[in-house]
């Protein structure tokens, strides 16, 4: 598919968390509740395809076909991350995949 950048849907994702994909290699994905997605009803819990860019400061995550606007992260996930690493910051998750 891979729509041109101007045609890519911009989708809000709420209660999100970052995780490693358990299929198809060591990809980073996001899961959460989407709003405004062209294929899923509002509030549907989804797993994204591989994330190519994550910028929590700018509240964006990009996949091959979709631009996600990051709403609030899942607070239980944030608490669990802080419990395993007291210095955890959302910005530590940021990256841009090599092209």
Protein backbone atom coordinates (compact mmCIF):
# COMPACT_ATOMS: atom_id res chain seq x y z
CA UNK A 1 0.00 0.00 0.00
CA UNK A 2 2.36 2.77 1.27
CA UNK A 3 0.31 5.91 0.51
CA UNK A 4 2.11 9.14 -0.27
CA UNK A 5 2.89 11.22 2.80
CA UNK A 6 0.03 13.65 2.15
CA UNK A 7 -2.51 10.82 1.80
CA UNK A 8 -1.54 8.94 4.94
CA UNK A 9 -4.30 8.81 7.56
CA UNK A 10 -3.65 10.66 10.81
CA UNK A 11 -5.02 8.53 13.63
CA UNK A 12 -5.22 9.30 17.34
CA UNK A 13 -4.05 6.45 19.56
CA UNK A 14 -4.93 6.56 23.27
CA UNK A 15 -3.88 4.38 26.21
CA UNK A 16 -0.90 3.31 24.15
CA UNK A 17 2.22 1.37 25.01
CA UNK A 18 5.40 0.55 23.13
CA UNK A 19 6.48 -3.04 22.74
CA UNK A 20 8.62 -5.32 20.65
CA UNK A 21 6.79 -7.28 18.01
CA UNK A 22 6.60 -11.01 18.64
CA UNK A 23 6.23 -11.73 14.92
CA UNK A 24 8.32 -10.82 11.90
CA UNK A 25 11.58 -9.86 13.54
CA UNK A 26 12.71 -7.33 16.12
CA UNK A 27 10.28 -4.55 15.22
CA UNK A 28 8.88 -1.99 17.62
CA UNK A 29 5.10 -1.64 17.60
CA UNK A 30 2.52 0.35 19.53
CA UNK A 31 -0.76 -0.94 20.80
CA UNK A 32 -3.66 1.11 22.03
CA UNK A 33 -7.15 2.44 21.27
CA UNK A 34 -7.47 4.14 17.89
CA UNK A 35 -9.77 7.01 16.97
CA UNK A 36 -10.31 8.19 13.41
CA UNK A 37 -8.76 5.12 11.78
CA UNK A 38 -10.12 4.39 8.29
CA UNK A 39 -10.45 0.63 8.98
CA UNK A 40 -11.29 0.35 12.69
CA UNK A 41 -14.12 1.76 14.74
CA UNK A 42 -13.29 4.38 17.36
CA UNK A 43 -11.96 2.89 20.58
CA UNK A 44 -10.84 -0.38 18.96
CA UNK A 45 -7.69 -1.81 20.59
CA UNK A 46 -5.11 -2.49 17.88
CA UNK A 47 -1.48 -3.43 17.38
CA UNK A 48 0.25 -1.26 14.79
CA UNK A 49 2.55 -2.48 12.10
CA UNK A 50 6.26 -1.79 12.61
CA UNK A 51 6.92 1.74 13.83
CA UNK A 52 9.47 3.62 11.71
CA UNK A 53 9.62 6.74 13.88
CA UNK A 54 8.57 7.48 17.44
CA UNK A 55 8.75 10.97 18.95
CA UNK A 56 6.94 11.21 22.27
CA UNK A 57 7.77 14.92 22.60
CA UNK A 58 6.02 15.73 19.32
CA UNK A 59 3.38 13.09 20.14
CA UNK A 60 3.81 11.17 16.91
CA UNK A 61 4.50 7.66 15.73
CA UNK A 62 4.85 6.70 12.09
CA UNK A 63 4.34 3.34 10.45
CA UNK A 64 4.64 2.50 6.77
CA UNK A 65 1.03 3.52 6.06
CA UNK A 66 -0.24 5.57 9.01
CA UNK A 67 0.69 8.65 11.02
CA UNK A 68 -0.34 8.17 14.65
CA UNK A 69 -0.94 11.06 17.01
CA UNK A 70 -0.05 9.92 20.51
CA UNK A 71 -2.69 10.68 23.10
CA UNK A 72 -2.13 9.65 26.70
CA UNK A 73 -0.03 6.54 27.30
CA UNK A 74 -1.40 3.62 29.29
CA UNK A 75 -0.69 4.61 32.90
CA UNK A 76 -0.28 1.02 34.11
CA UNK A 77 2.38 0.51 31.44
CA UNK A 78 4.16 3.72 32.47
CA UNK A 79 4.06 2.63 36.13
CA UNK A 80 5.42 -0.81 35.24
CA UNK A 81 8.24 0.75 33.19
CA UNK A 82 9.12 3.07 36.09
CA UNK A 83 9.05 0.14 38.51
CA UNK A 84 11.59 -1.75 36.38
CA UNK A 85 13.69 1.41 35.79
CA UNK A 86 13.32 4.30 38.21
CA UNK A 87 14.88 6.64 35.61
CA UNK A 88 12.37 5.71 32.88
CA UNK A 89 11.18 8.60 30.72
CA UNK A 90 8.83 8.31 27.74
CA UNK A 91 11.47 10.08 25.64
CA UNK A 92 13.78 7.08 26.17
CA UNK A 93 11.51 5.17 23.79
CA UNK A 94 12.06 7.64 20.89
CA UNK A 95 13.83 6.48 17.74
CA UNK A 96 13.92 6.77 13.98
CA UNK A 97 14.46 3.62 11.94
CA UNK A 98 17.37 3.60 9.52
CA UNK A 99 16.19 3.94 5.97
